[in-house]
C-alpha atoms as a PDB file:
ATOM      1  CA  UNK A   1       9.085 -43.739  -8.080  1.00  0.00           C
ATOM      2  CA  UNK A   2      10.287 -41.111  -5.709  1.00  0.00           C
ATOM      3  CA  UNK A   3       8.524 -37.788  -5.348  1.00  0.00           C
ATOM      4  CA  UNK A   4      10.414 -34.614  -4.720  1.00  0.00           C
ATOM      5  CA  UNK A   5       8.728 -32.505  -2.061  1.00  0.00           C
ATOM      6  CA  UNK A   6       9.497 -28.835  -1.545  1.00  0.00           C
ATOM      7  CA  UNK A   7       8.165 -26.575   1.129  1.00  0.00           C
ATOM      8  CA  UNK A   8       8.671 -23.057   2.349  1.00  0.00           C
ATOM      9  CA  UNK A   9       8.688 -21.996   5.961  1.00  0.00           C
ATOM     10  CA  UNK A  10       7.359 -18.475   6.473  1.00  0.00           C
ATOM     11  CA  UNK A  11       6.941 -16.486   9.629  1.00  0.00           C
ATOM     12  CA  UNK A  12       3.445 -15.768  10.858  1.00  0.00           C
ATOM     13  CA  UNK A  13       2.065 -12.690   9.117  1.00  0.00           C
ATOM     14  CA  UNK A  14       0.261 -11.556  12.253  1.00  0.00           C
ATOM     15  CA  UNK A  15       1.786 -11.013  15.689  1.00  0.00           C
ATOM     16  CA  UNK A  16       0.556 -13.340  18.419  1.00  0.00           C
ATOM     17  CA  UNK A  17       0.050 -10.510  20.898  1.00  0.00           C
ATOM     18  CA  UNK A  18      -2.439  -8.528  18.778  1.00  0.00           C
ATOM     19  CA  UNK A  19      -6.097  -9.195  18.110  1.00  0.00           C
ATOM     20  CA  UNK A  20      -6.686  -9.192  14.350  1.00  0.00           C
ATOM     21  CA  UNK A  21     -10.209  -7.900  13.743  1.00  0.00           C
ATOM     22  CA  UNK A  22     -10.342  -8.463   9.988  1.00  0.00           C
ATOM     23  CA  UNK A  23      -8.391 -10.780   7.699  1.00  0.00           C
ATOM     24  CA  UNK A  24      -8.464 -10.392   3.930  1.00  0.00           C
ATOM     25  CA  UNK A  25      -7.115 -12.629   1.172  1.00  0.00           C
ATOM     26  CA  UNK A  26      -6.838 -10.220  -1.785  1.00  0.00           C
ATOM     27  CA  UNK A  27      -6.065 -11.251  -5.388  1.00  0.00           C
ATOM     28  CA  UNK A  28      -7.738  -8.698  -7.620  1.00  0.00           C
ATOM     29  CA  UNK A  29     -10.208 -11.164  -9.144  1.00  0.00           C
ATOM     30  CA  UNK A  30     -13.933 -11.274  -8.409  1.00  0.00           C
ATOM     31  CA  UNK A  31     -15.258 -14.725  -9.362  1.00  0.00           C
ATOM     32  CA  UNK A  32     -15.823 -16.696  -6.156  1.00  0.00           C
ATOM     33  CA  UNK A  33     -14.068 -14.017  -4.113  1.00  0.00           C
ATOM     34  CA  UNK A  34     -16.728 -13.350  -1.436  1.00  0.00           C
ATOM     35  CA  UNK A  35     -16.983 -14.614   2.144  1.00  0.00           C
ATOM     36  CA  UNK A  36     -19.824 -12.346   3.327  1.00  0.00           C
ATOM     37  CA  UNK A  37     -23.134 -13.182   1.694  1.00  0.00           C
ATOM     38  CA  UNK A  38     -25.508 -10.363   0.800  1.00  0.00           C
ATOM     39  CA  UNK A  39     -28.633 -10.055   2.912  1.00  0.00           C
ATOM     40  CA  UNK A  40     -27.182 -11.907   5.924  1.00  0.00           C
ATOM     41  CA  UNK A  41     -26.528 -10.047   9.166  1.00  0.00           C
ATOM     42  CA  UNK A  42     -23.079 -10.699  10.610  1.00  0.00           C
ATOM     43  CA  UNK A  43     -21.833  -9.679  14.007  1.00  0.00           C
ATOM     44  CA  UNK A  44     -18.249  -8.695  14.708  1.00  0.00           C
ATOM     45  CA  UNK A  45     -17.300 -12.178  15.974  1.00  0.00           C
ATOM     46  CA  UNK A  46     -18.489 -13.714  12.680  1.00  0.00           C
ATOM     47  CA  UNK A  47     -16.345 -11.257  10.749  1.00  0.00           C
ATOM     48  CA  UNK A  48     -13.273 -11.872  12.912  1.00  0.00           C
ATOM     49  CA  UNK A  49     -13.467 -15.612  12.329  1.00  0.00           C
ATOM     50  CA  UNK A  50     -13.717 -15.357   8.518  1.00  0.00           C
ATOM     51  CA  UNK A  51     -11.047 -14.849   5.904  1.00  0.00           C
ATOM     52  CA  UNK A  52     -12.656 -12.096   3.853  1.00  0.00           C
ATOM     53  CA  UNK A  53     -11.990 -11.753   0.135  1.00  0.00           C
ATOM     54  CA  UNK A  54     -11.848  -9.182  -2.656  1.00  0.00           C
ATOM     55  CA  UNK A  55     -15.566  -8.489  -3.007  1.00  0.00           C
ATOM     56  CA  UNK A  56     -15.909  -8.201   0.780  1.00  0.00           C
ATOM     57  CA  UNK A  57     -13.101  -5.637   0.812  1.00  0.00           C
ATOM     58  CA  UNK A  58     -14.472  -3.371  -1.906  1.00  0.00           C
ATOM     59  CA  UNK A  59     -18.131  -3.776  -0.957  1.00  0.00           C
ATOM     60  CA  UNK A  60     -19.478  -0.815   0.940  1.00  0.00           C
ATOM     61  CA  UNK A  61     -20.416  -1.957   4.424  1.00  0.00           C
ATOM     62  CA  UNK A  62     -19.585  -1.136   8.017  1.00  0.00           C
ATOM     63  CA  UNK A  63     -16.630  -3.527   8.207  1.00  0.00           C
ATOM     64  CA  UNK A  64     -14.672  -2.451   5.155  1.00  0.00           C
ATOM     65  CA  UNK A  65     -12.497   0.517   4.375  1.00  0.00           C
ATOM     66  CA  UNK A  66      -9.428   1.447   2.377  1.00  0.00           C
ATOM     67  CA  UNK A  67      -5.928   0.827   3.664  1.00  0.00           C
ATOM     68  CA  UNK A  68      -5.010   4.270   4.978  1.00  0.00           C
ATOM     69  CA  UNK A  69      -1.245   4.797   5.071  1.00  0.00           C
ATOM     70  CA  UNK A  70      -0.651   8.131   3.328  1.00  0.00           C
ATOM     71  CA  UNK A  71       1.028   8.920   0.024  1.00  0.00           C
ATOM     72  CA  UNK A  72       4.693   8.281   0.893  1.00  0.00           C
ATOM     73  CA  UNK A  73       4.049   4.996   2.709  1.00  0.00           C
ATOM     74  CA  UNK A  74       1.654   3.906  -0.050  1.00  0.00           C
ATOM     75  CA  UNK A  75       4.524   4.344  -2.499  1.00  0.00           C
ATOM     76  CA  UNK A  76       6.848   2.200  -0.345  1.00  0.00           C
ATOM     77  CA  UNK A  77       4.277  -0.572   0.026  1.00  0.00           C
ATOM     78  CA  UNK A  78       3.386  -0.577  -3.678  1.00  0.00           C
ATOM     79  CA  UNK A  79       7.063  -0.646  -4.688  1.00  0.00           C
ATOM     80  CA  UNK A  80       7.556  -3.763  -2.554  1.00  0.00           C
ATOM     81  CA  UNK A  81       4.412  -5.401  -3.956  1.00  0.00           C
ATOM     82  CA  UNK A  82       5.583  -4.570  -7.492  1.00  0.00           C
ATOM     83  CA  UNK A  83       9.012  -6.050  -6.844  1.00  0.00           C
ATOM     84  CA  UNK A  84       7.621  -9.213  -5.246  1.00  0.00           C
ATOM     85  CA  UNK A  85       4.903  -9.839  -7.838  1.00  0.00           C
ATOM     86  CA  UNK A  86       7.289  -9.262 -10.749  1.00  0.00           C
ATOM     87  CA  UNK A  87       9.738 -11.699  -9.150  1.00  0.00           C
ATOM     88  CA  UNK A  88       6.974 -14.343  -8.945  1.00  0.00           C
ATOM     89  CA  UNK A  89       5.995 -13.632 -12.562  1.00  0.00           C
ATOM     90  CA  UNK A  90       9.553 -14.400 -13.743  1.00  0.00           C
ATOM     91  CA  UNK A  91       9.062 -17.920 -12.382  1.00  0.00           C
ATOM     92  CA  UNK A  92       5.614 -18.375 -13.943  1.00  0.00           C
ATOM     93  CA  UNK A  93       3.830 -18.106 -10.584  1.00  0.00           C
ATOM     94  CA  UNK A  94       0.265 -16.842 -10.290  1.00  0.00           C
ATOM     95  CA  UNK A  95      -2.713 -17.188  -7.924  1.00  0.00           C
ATOM     96  CA  UNK A  96      -0.897 -15.564  -4.996  1.00  0.00           C
ATOM     97  CA  UNK A  97      -2.686 -13.232  -2.603  1.00  0.00           C
ATOM     98  CA  UNK A  98      -2.012 -10.333  -0.321  1.00  0.00           C
ATOM     99  CA  UNK A  99      -2.925 -11.419   3.181  1.00  0.00           C
ATOM    100  CA  UNK A 100      -4.049  -8.309   5.038  1.00  0.00           C
ATOM    101  CA  UNK A 101      -4.736  -8.212   8.759  1.00  0.00           C
ATOM    102  CA  UNK A 102      -6.440  -5.219  10.354  1.00  0.00           C
ATOM    103  CA  UNK A 103      -5.957  -4.622  14.074  1.00  0.00           C
ATOM    104  CA  UNK A 104      -8.246  -1.963  15.544  1.00  0.00           C
ATOM    105  CA  UNK A 105      -6.553  -0.320  18.487  1.00  0.00           C
ATOM    106  CA  UNK A 106      -8.306   0.912  21.575  1.00  0.00           C
ATOM    107  CA  UNK A 107      -7.013   3.877  23.585  1.00  0.00           C
ATOM    108  CA  UNK A 108      -4.979   1.620  25.881  1.00  0.00           C
ATOM    109  CA  UNK A 109      -3.218  -0.054  22.909  1.00  0.00           C
ATOM    110  CA  UNK A 110      -2.469   3.202  21.166  1.00  0.00           C
ATOM    111  CA  UNK A 111      -1.117   4.943  24.233  1.00  0.00           C
ATOM    112  CA  UNK A 112       1.020   2.285  25.875  1.00  0.00           C
ATOM    113  CA  UNK A 113       1.331  -1.057  24.106  1.00  0.00           C
ATOM    114  CA  UNK A 114       2.551  -0.145  20.649  1.00  0.00           C
ATOM    115  CA  UNK A 115       5.941   1.139  19.591  1.00  0.00           C
ATOM    116  CA  UNK A 116       5.927   3.094  16.336  1.00  0.00           C
ATOM    117  CA  UNK A 117       8.928   4.262  14.313  1.00  0.00           C
ATOM    118  CA  UNK A 118       9.086   7.658  12.640  1.00  0.00           C
ATOM    119  CA  UNK A 119       7.695   6.273   9.365  1.00  0.00           C
ATOM    120  CA  UNK A 120       4.711   4.597  11.028  1.00  0.00           C
ATOM    121  CA  UNK A 121       6.007   1.015  11.125  1.00  0.00           C
ATOM    122  CA  UNK A 122       5.297  -0.852  14.329  1.00  0.00           C
ATOM    123  CA  UNK A 123       7.924  -2.929  16.099  1.00  0.00           C
ATOM    124  CA  UNK A 124       5.953  -6.087  15.256  1.00  0.00           C
ATOM    125  CA  UNK A 125       5.958  -5.456  11.488  1.00  0.00           C
ATOM    126  CA  UNK A 126       2.691  -3.588  11.061  1.00  0.00           C
ATOM    127  CA  UNK A 127       1.899  -0.240   9.482  1.00  0.00           C
ATOM    128  CA  UNK A 128       0.009   2.266  11.604  1.00  0.00           C
ATOM    129  CA  UNK A 129      -2.897   3.822   9.713  1.00  0.00           C
ATOM    130  CA  UNK A 130      -2.738   7.551   9.052  1.00  0.00           C
ATOM    131  CA  UNK A 131      -5.247  10.210   8.128  1.00  0.00           C
ATOM    132  CA  UNK A 132      -5.119  12.913   5.490  1.00  0.00           C
ATOM    133  CA  UNK A 133      -3.087  15.171   7.747  1.00  0.00           C
ATOM    134  CA  UNK A 134      -0.630  12.348   8.560  1.00  0.00           C
ATOM    135  CA  UNK A 135      -2.168  11.943  12.002  1.00  0.00           C
ATOM    136  CA  UNK A 136      -1.981   8.386  13.363  1.00  0.00           C
ATOM    137  CA  UNK A 137      -5.266   6.489  13.371  1.00  0.00           C
ATOM    138  CA  UNK A 138      -6.347   3.614  15.587  1.00  0.00           C
ATOM    139  CA  UNK A 139      -5.607   0.771  13.173  1.00  0.00           C
ATOM    140  CA  UNK A 140      -2.546  -1.284  12.316  1.00  0.00           C
ATOM    141  CA  UNK A 141      -2.216  -3.167   9.023  1.00  0.00           C
ATOM    142  CA  UNK A 142      -0.178  -6.337   8.550  1.00  0.00           C
ATOM    143  CA  UNK A 143       0.690  -7.497   4.998  1.00  0.00           C
ATOM    144  CA  UNK A 144       2.199 -10.614   3.485  1.00  0.00           C
ATOM    145  CA  UNK A 145       2.087 -12.142   0.017  1.00  0.00           C
ATOM    146  CA  UNK A 146       0.960 -15.762   0.394  1.00  0.00           C
ATOM    147  CA  UNK A 147       0.166 -18.788  -1.781  1.00  0.00           C
ATOM    148  CA  UNK A 148       3.312 -18.298  -3.849  1.00  0.00           C
ATOM    149  CA  UNK A 149       3.729 -21.857  -5.155  1.00  0.00           C
ATOM    150  CA  UNK A 150       1.114 -22.095  -7.932  1.00  0.00           C
ATOM    151  CA  UNK A 151       2.633 -22.181 -11.431  1.00  0.00           C
ATOM    152  CA  UNK A 152       0.568 -21.388 -14.497  1.00  0.00           C
ATOM    153  CA  UNK A 153       0.504 -25.022 -15.606  1.00  0.00           C
ATOM    154  CA  UNK A 154      -1.761 -27.153 -17.823  1.00  0.00           C
ATOM    155  CA  UNK A 155      -4.404 -27.378 -15.091  1.00  0.00           C
ATOM    156  CA  UNK A 156      -4.547 -23.585 -14.694  1.00  0.00           C
ATOM    157  CA  UNK A 157      -4.559 -23.056 -18.475  1.00  0.00           C
ATOM    158  CA  UNK A 158      -7.531 -25.438 -18.717  1.00  0.00           C
ATOM    159  CA  UNK A 159      -9.268 -23.647 -15.826  1.00  0.00           C
ATOM    160  CA  UNK A 160      -8.665 -20.342 -17.615  1.00  0.00           C
ATOM    161  CA  UNK A 161     -10.197 -21.597 -20.879  1.00  0.00           C
ATOM    162  CA  UNK A 162     -13.239 -23.135 -19.174  1.00  0.00           C
ATOM    163  CA  UNK A 163     -14.032 -20.204 -16.896  1.00  0.00           C
ATOM    164  CA  UNK A 164     -13.493 -17.714 -19.740  1.00  0.00           C
ATOM    165  CA  UNK A 165     -16.441 -19.381 -21.517  1.00  0.00           C
ATOM    166  CA  UNK A 166     -18.717 -18.384 -18.630  1.00  0.00           C
ATOM    167  CA  UNK A 167     -17.133 -15.324 -16.998  1.00  0.00           C
ATOM    168  CA  UNK A 168     -15.319 -12.193 -18.056  1.00  0.00           C
ATOM    169  CA  UNK A 169     -11.682 -13.192 -18.604  1.00  0.00           C
ATOM    170  CA  UNK A 170     -10.520 -10.226 -16.500  1.00  0.00           C
ATOM    171  CA  UNK A 171     -12.465 -11.378 -13.433  1.00  0.00           C
ATOM    172  CA  UNK A 172     -11.207 -14.956 -13.088  1.00  0.00           C
ATOM    173  CA  UNK A 173      -8.232 -15.924 -10.958  1.00  0.00           C
ATOM    174  CA  UNK A 174      -6.556 -18.370 -13.370  1.00  0.00           C
ATOM    175  CA  UNK A 175      -4.857 -16.059 -15.866  1.00  0.00           C
ATOM    176  CA  UNK A 176      -1.284 -16.022 -17.219  1.00  0.00           C
ATOM    177  CA  UNK A 177       1.336 -14.748 -14.726  1.00  0.00           C
ATOM    178  CA  UNK A 178       1.918 -11.438 -16.537  1.00  0.00           C
ATOM    179  CA  UNK A 179      -1.804 -10.659 -16.590  1.00  0.00           C
ATOM    180  CA  UNK A 180      -2.149 -11.796 -12.988  1.00  0.00           C
ATOM    181  CA  UNK A 181       0.745  -9.576 -11.872  1.00  0.00           C
ATOM    182  CA  UNK A 182      -0.614  -6.479 -13.615  1.00  0.00           C
ATOM    183  CA  UNK A 183      -4.133  -6.982 -12.242  1.00  0.00           C
ATOM    184  CA  UNK A 184      -2.841  -7.763  -8.733  1.00  0.00           C
ATOM    185  CA  UNK A 185      -0.703  -4.612  -8.611  1.00  0.00           C
ATOM    186  CA  UNK A 186      -3.525  -2.407  -9.884  1.00  0.00           C
ATOM    187  CA  UNK A 187      -6.058  -3.865  -7.481  1.00  0.00           C
ATOM    188  CA  UNK A 188      -3.827  -3.459  -4.441  1.00  0.00           C
ATOM    189  CA  UNK A 189      -2.981   0.102  -5.534  1.00  0.00           C
ATOM    190  CA  UNK A 190      -6.708   0.884  -5.656  1.00  0.00           C
ATOM    191  CA  UNK A 191      -7.123  -0.384  -2.073  1.00  0.00           C
ATOM    192  CA  UNK A 192      -4.515   1.913  -0.531  1.00  0.00           C
ATOM    193  CA  UNK A 193      -4.905   5.631   0.178  1.00  0.00           C
END
């Protein structure tokens, strides 16, 4: 028989002209969501080459922090995440992630190589970090929702039932789309200040 193949072409989430110092794949679940192992020393090059996950993001260490964008920009970002995740839920999609790239700027970058709009968006699609007094910080965040093709099908239902026997149902990735959406939105909201 013939197979129908579908694919989506997406633009790169990160600009080619910026060094991305940290990459996170964030879902809001905790089972199997760690790239940095406890008790192992990592240097900056190790961290830059890894795709970090949820536990790595929330774990207190020298590499991790909140996404600092200020109250008004947090609202804009969360509204877009809400809209996108609810759209995916309507189609029974789950298991998507927020891909987050963190670019740490040096003085040369901040002063001459980055164009920022009034609301803190960069010309290459990033969001400049801001402090409590709305002063610009030396980080740029890049966001994109990825892995948007996984339906909550028989395989995922089975995975849900099996993992729920071992783990807390709220911590596993394979949950119904409505549950996934709610947890995803709440987790991302807790990551942004």
